[in-house]
Amino acid sequence: MSEDYTKITHLLEQILRWTKTGAIMQLKPSIQEALQSDEAKLVYEYSDGEKSTREIGKLAGVSHGTVTNYWEKWSELGIVEPTEKYEGGRFRRLCSLRELGIALPKSKPPIKKVVAAPAETKQQGVHP
């Protein structure tokens, strides 16, 4: 029984490997069309189903709203899927860019928030 189970498992792994290879090659043109900018490629690659929009935004050098917009668009295209762990609040890419043979651009530096310097205030009643 154990030997039969091992053979079946091995056969299923081979079927999965060949099916995934064929699907990835068919998926590549759609992903290339959807990910034309470096920022889109970074957001897609960082979309692992675990990171939040804010985390991905920092890594890719974009706002979290941009990440959300990408996820909505890509979900409609079928190139990302919602994760069950976060009840659909985070998305996971279908495959990595490396699996597709697409070069990953270098990460951008994190977005820096510009904060206005507080206006100088004079203490009342104190004179030099």
Protein backbone atom coordinates (compact mmCIF):
# COMPACT_ATOMS: atom_id res chain seq x y z
CA MET A 1 0.00 0.00 0.00
CA SER A 2 2.78 2.43 0.89
CA GLU A 3 4.59 1.71 -2.38
CA ASP A 4 1.41 2.44 -4.35
CA TYR A 5 0.93 5.67 -2.45
CA THR A 6 4.52 6.73 -3.26
CA LYS A 7 4.04 5.99 -6.97
CA ILE A 8 0.77 7.93 -7.10
CA THR A 9 2.33 10.87 -5.25
CA HIS A 10 5.27 10.92 -7.66
CA LEU A 11 2.95 10.78 -10.68
CA LEU A 12 0.80 13.63 -9.33
CA GLU A 13 3.91 15.75 -8.70
CA GLN A 14 5.00 15.22 -12.32
CA ILE A 15 1.54 16.13 -13.63
CA LEU A 16 1.52 19.26 -11.49
CA ARG A 17 4.99 20.29 -12.68
CA TRP A 18 4.05 19.94 -16.38
CA THR A 19 0.68 21.62 -15.91
CA LYS A 20 2.26 24.55 -14.07
CA THR A 21 4.96 24.93 -16.73
CA GLY A 22 2.36 25.10 -19.51
CA ALA A 23 0.17 27.52 -17.58
CA ILE A 24 3.06 29.84 -16.78
CA MET A 25 4.06 30.09 -20.42
CA GLN A 26 0.49 30.99 -21.36
CA LEU A 27 0.31 33.49 -18.51
CA LYS A 28 3.53 35.31 -19.39
CA PRO A 29 2.12 37.58 -22.16
CA SER A 30 -0.75 38.73 -19.91
CA ILE A 31 1.60 39.52 -17.04
CA GLN A 32 4.07 41.33 -19.29
CA GLU A 33 1.25 43.50 -20.64
CA ALA A 34 -0.04 44.30 -17.14
CA LEU A 35 3.41 44.99 -15.65
CA GLN A 36 4.92 47.50 -18.02
CA SER A 37 6.53 49.77 -15.42
CA ASP A 38 9.26 48.92 -12.93
CA GLU A 39 6.99 50.00 -10.09
CA ALA A 40 4.27 47.57 -11.22
CA LYS A 41 6.81 44.74 -11.43
CA LEU A 42 8.02 45.46 -7.90
CA VAL A 43 4.51 45.62 -6.47
CA TYR A 44 3.61 42.36 -8.22
CA GLU A 45 6.73 40.57 -7.00
CA TYR A 46 6.23 41.71 -3.40
CA SER A 47 2.57 40.60 -3.47
CA ASP A 48 3.11 37.37 -1.57
CA GLY A 49 -0.20 37.27 0.30
CA GLU A 50 1.50 38.18 3.58
CA LYS A 51 2.63 41.78 3.12
CA SER A 52 0.20 44.68 3.56
CA THR A 53 -0.30 47.46 1.04
CA ARG A 54 1.80 49.73 3.25
CA GLU A 55 4.67 47.24 3.47
CA ILE A 56 4.67 46.67 -0.29
CA GLY A 57 4.37 50.39 -0.95
CA LYS A 58 7.50 51.07 1.12
CA LEU A 59 9.45 48.31 -0.63
CA ALA A 60 8.36 49.39 -4.12
CA GLY A 61 8.57 53.14 -3.48
CA VAL A 62 4.86 53.82 -4.07
CA SER A 63 1.86 54.75 -1.93
CA HIS A 64 -0.31 52.07 -0.37
CA GLY A 65 -3.19 53.38 -2.48
CA THR A 66 -1.21 52.59 -5.62
CA VAL A 67 -0.74 49.02 -4.37
CA THR A 68 -4.50 48.73 -3.75
CA ASN A 69 -5.25 50.02 -7.26
CA TYR A 70 -2.86 47.50 -8.79
CA TRP A 71 -4.39 44.66 -6.78
CA GLU A 72 -7.91 45.57 -7.91
CA LYS A 73 -6.84 45.73 -11.57
CA TRP A 74 -4.78 42.54 -11.40
CA SER A 75 -7.53 40.65 -9.60
CA GLU A 76 -9.86 41.39 -12.52
CA LEU A 77 -7.15 40.16 -14.92
CA GLY A 78 -6.69 37.00 -12.86
CA ILE A 79 -2.96 37.42 -12.22
CA VAL A 80 -3.29 37.75 -8.42
CA GLU A 81 -5.57 35.98 -5.98
CA PRO A 82 -6.92 37.02 -2.59
CA THR A 83 -5.54 35.20 0.43
CA GLU A 84 -7.80 33.31 2.78
CA LYS A 85 -5.65 34.14 5.79
CA TYR A 86 -6.53 37.84 5.53
CA GLU A 87 -10.08 37.25 4.27
CA GLY A 88 -9.31 38.68 0.84
CA GLY A 89 -7.65 41.81 2.21
CA ARG A 90 -4.26 40.88 0.78
CA PHE A 91 -3.31 39.40 -2.56
CA ARG A 92 -0.80 36.85 -3.78
CA ARG A 93 0.81 36.73 -7.21
CA LEU A 94 0.23 33.57 -9.24
CA CYS A 95 3.94 33.09 -9.87
CA SER A 96 7.16 35.01 -9.44
CA LEU A 97 8.66 37.09 -12.21
CA ARG A 98 11.73 34.85 -12.06
CA GLU A 99 9.55 31.84 -12.95
CA LEU A 100 8.43 33.76 -16.04
CA GLY A 101 11.94 34.79 -17.00
CA ILE A 102 11.17 38.47 -16.38
CA ALA A 103 13.97 40.50 -14.82
CA LEU A 104 13.14 42.10 -11.50
CA PRO A 105 14.03 45.81 -11.31
CA LYS A 106 15.97 47.16 -8.37
CA SER A 107 13.89 48.33 -5.44
CA LYS A 108 13.28 52.02 -5.11
CA PRO A 109 14.23 53.89 -1.95
CA PRO A 110 11.36 54.20 0.51
CA ILE A 111 8.99 57.12 0.15
CA LYS A 112 9.95 59.91 2.50
CA LYS A 113 7.20 61.98 3.96
CA VAL A 114 7.87 65.69 3.89
CA VAL A 115 6.95 67.29 7.15
CA ALA A 116 6.87 71.05 7.40
CA ALA A 117 9.16 72.42 10.07
CA PRO A 118 7.26 74.00 12.93
CA ALA A 119 7.18 77.77 12.85
CA GLU A 120 9.46 79.42 15.33
CA THR A 121 7.60 80.51 18.38
CA LYS A 122 8.73 83.11 20.83
CA GLN A 123 8.18 82.46 24.45
CA GLN A 124 6.06 85.17 25.84
CA GLY A 125 7.36 87.11 28.75
CA VAL A 126 10.97 85.96 28.36
CA HIS A 127 13.43 88.53 27.11
CA PRO A 128 17.20 88.11 26.77
